[in-house]
Amino acid sequence: MLKAIETLRFASEKDIMHWLDEEGETLSRDELRRTLELLLQEDRIELKNDLFRLKRKSSSQSAFDNLFKD
């Protein structure tokens, strides 16, 4: 799911579903919505005007993550 959103940059539910279908991943609309809601709650993605995108990290947080990632 995150790979689809990362690849598409800004994506609607329909765009994500289409991308997943092309990649051979099968999800029902309910599964897609539940997963998107969970990612929103975890603050990993954001929603604006019915489009999803990856949540932007602040530059300092990103530098910290890059420095200490395993």
C-alpha atoms as a PDB file:
ATOM      1  CA  MET A   1       0.000   0.000   0.000  1.00  0.00           C
ATOM      2  CA  LEU A   2       2.730   2.475   0.957  1.00  0.00           C
ATOM      3  CA  LYS A   3       4.669   1.527  -2.187  1.00  0.00           C
ATOM      4  CA  ALA A   4       1.612   2.400  -4.287  1.00  0.00           C
ATOM      5  CA  ILE A   5       1.222   5.780  -2.612  1.00  0.00           C
ATOM      6  CA  GLU A   6       4.957   6.462  -2.865  1.00  0.00           C
ATOM      7  CA  THR A   7       5.005   5.581  -6.561  1.00  0.00           C
ATOM      8  CA  LEU A   8       1.877   7.565  -7.413  1.00  0.00           C
ATOM      9  CA  ARG A   9       2.778  10.503  -5.110  1.00  0.00           C
ATOM     10  CA  PHE A  10      -0.832  11.772  -4.897  1.00  0.00           C
ATOM     11  CA  ALA A  11      -3.410   9.025  -5.256  1.00  0.00           C
ATOM     12  CA  SER A  12      -7.115   8.504  -4.849  1.00  0.00           C
ATOM     13  CA  GLU A  13      -8.547   5.213  -3.582  1.00  0.00           C
ATOM     14  CA  LYS A  14      -9.322   4.317  -7.194  1.00  0.00           C
ATOM     15  CA  ASP A  15      -5.725   5.046  -8.288  1.00  0.00           C
ATOM     16  CA  ILE A  16      -4.322   2.922  -5.477  1.00  0.00           C
ATOM     17  CA  MET A  17      -6.678   0.051  -6.269  1.00  0.00           C
ATOM     18  CA  HIS A  18      -5.737   0.211  -9.951  1.00  0.00           C
ATOM     19  CA  TRP A  19      -1.996   0.217  -9.142  1.00  0.00           C
ATOM     20  CA  LEU A  20      -2.383  -2.739  -6.773  1.00  0.00           C
ATOM     21  CA  ASP A  21      -4.338  -4.668  -9.414  1.00  0.00           C
ATOM     22  CA  GLU A  22      -1.561  -4.073 -11.956  1.00  0.00           C
ATOM     23  CA  GLU A  23       1.006  -5.331  -9.426  1.00  0.00           C
ATOM     24  CA  GLY A  24      -1.008  -8.496  -8.850  1.00  0.00           C
ATOM     25  CA  GLU A  25      -2.151  -7.565  -5.356  1.00  0.00           C
ATOM     26  CA  THR A  26      -5.800  -8.194  -4.660  1.00  0.00           C
ATOM     27  CA  LEU A  27      -7.638  -6.213  -2.012  1.00  0.00           C
ATOM     28  CA  SER A  28     -11.318  -5.588  -1.554  1.00  0.00           C
ATOM     29  CA  ARG A  29     -12.518  -1.999  -1.275  1.00  0.00           C
ATOM     30  CA  ASP A  30     -13.209  -2.591   2.431  1.00  0.00           C
ATOM     31  CA  GLU A  31      -9.664  -3.885   3.019  1.00  0.00           C
ATOM     32  CA  LEU A  32      -8.261  -0.900   1.153  1.00  0.00           C
ATOM     33  CA  ARG A  33     -10.294   1.580   3.200  1.00  0.00           C
ATOM     34  CA  ARG A  34      -9.383  -0.108   6.506  1.00  0.00           C
ATOM     35  CA  THR A  35      -5.694  -0.083   5.605  1.00  0.00           C
ATOM     36  CA  LEU A  36      -5.795   3.562   4.538  1.00  0.00           C
ATOM     37  CA  GLU A  37      -7.588   4.506   7.773  1.00  0.00           C
ATOM     38  CA  LEU A  38      -4.969   2.644   9.802  1.00  0.00           C
ATOM     39  CA  LEU A  39      -2.116   4.390   7.959  1.00  0.00           C
ATOM     40  CA  LEU A  40      -3.823   7.740   8.563  1.00  0.00           C
ATOM     41  CA  GLN A  41      -4.166   6.964  12.278  1.00  0.00           C
ATOM     42  CA  GLU A  42      -0.496   5.940  12.443  1.00  0.00           C
ATOM     43  CA  ASP A  43       0.353   9.289  10.810  1.00  0.00           C
ATOM     44  CA  ARG A  44       2.230   7.576   7.968  1.00  0.00           C
ATOM     45  CA  ILE A  45       0.081   9.101   5.218  1.00  0.00           C
ATOM     46  CA  GLU A  46      -2.043  12.201   4.881  1.00  0.00           C
ATOM     47  CA  LEU A  47      -5.302  12.925   3.085  1.00  0.00           C
ATOM     48  CA  LYS A  48      -6.181  16.146   1.320  1.00  0.00           C
ATOM     49  CA  ASN A  49      -8.962  16.705  -1.215  1.00  0.00           C
ATOM     50  CA  ASP A  50      -9.598  12.929  -1.481  1.00  0.00           C
ATOM     51  CA  LEU A  51      -5.941  12.285  -2.377  1.00  0.00           C
ATOM     52  CA  PHE A  52      -3.512  10.323  -0.249  1.00  0.00           C
ATOM     53  CA  ARG A  53       0.218  10.930  -0.039  1.00  0.00           C
ATOM     54  CA  LEU A  54       3.062   9.901   2.206  1.00  0.00           C
ATOM     55  CA  LYS A  55       3.402  12.022   5.309  1.00  0.00           C
ATOM     56  CA  ARG A  56       6.309  14.410   4.967  1.00  0.00           C
ATOM     57  CA  LYS A  57       8.978  14.201   7.602  1.00  0.00           C
ATOM     58  CA  SER A  58      10.636  17.284   8.910  1.00  0.00           C
ATOM     59  CA  SER A  59      14.197  17.629   7.650  1.00  0.00           C
ATOM     60  CA  SER A  60      15.668  17.203  11.120  1.00  0.00           C
ATOM     61  CA  GLN A  61      13.625  14.051  11.741  1.00  0.00           C
ATOM     62  CA  SER A  62      14.604  12.709   8.347  1.00  0.00           C
ATOM     63  CA  ALA A  63      18.315  13.374   9.024  1.00  0.00           C
ATOM     64  CA  PHE A  64      18.037  11.654  12.411  1.00  0.00           C
ATOM     65  CA  ASP A  65      16.300   8.641  10.864  1.00  0.00           C
ATOM     66  CA  ASN A  66      18.942   8.373   8.132  1.00  0.00           C
ATOM     67  CA  LEU A  67      21.755   8.593  10.652  1.00  0.00           C
ATOM     68  CA  PHE A  68      20.442   5.872  12.933  1.00  0.00           C
ATOM     69  CA  LYS A  69      18.529   3.560  10.628  1.00  0.00           C
ATOM     70  CA  ASP A  70      19.361  -0.140  10.892  1.00  0.00           C
END
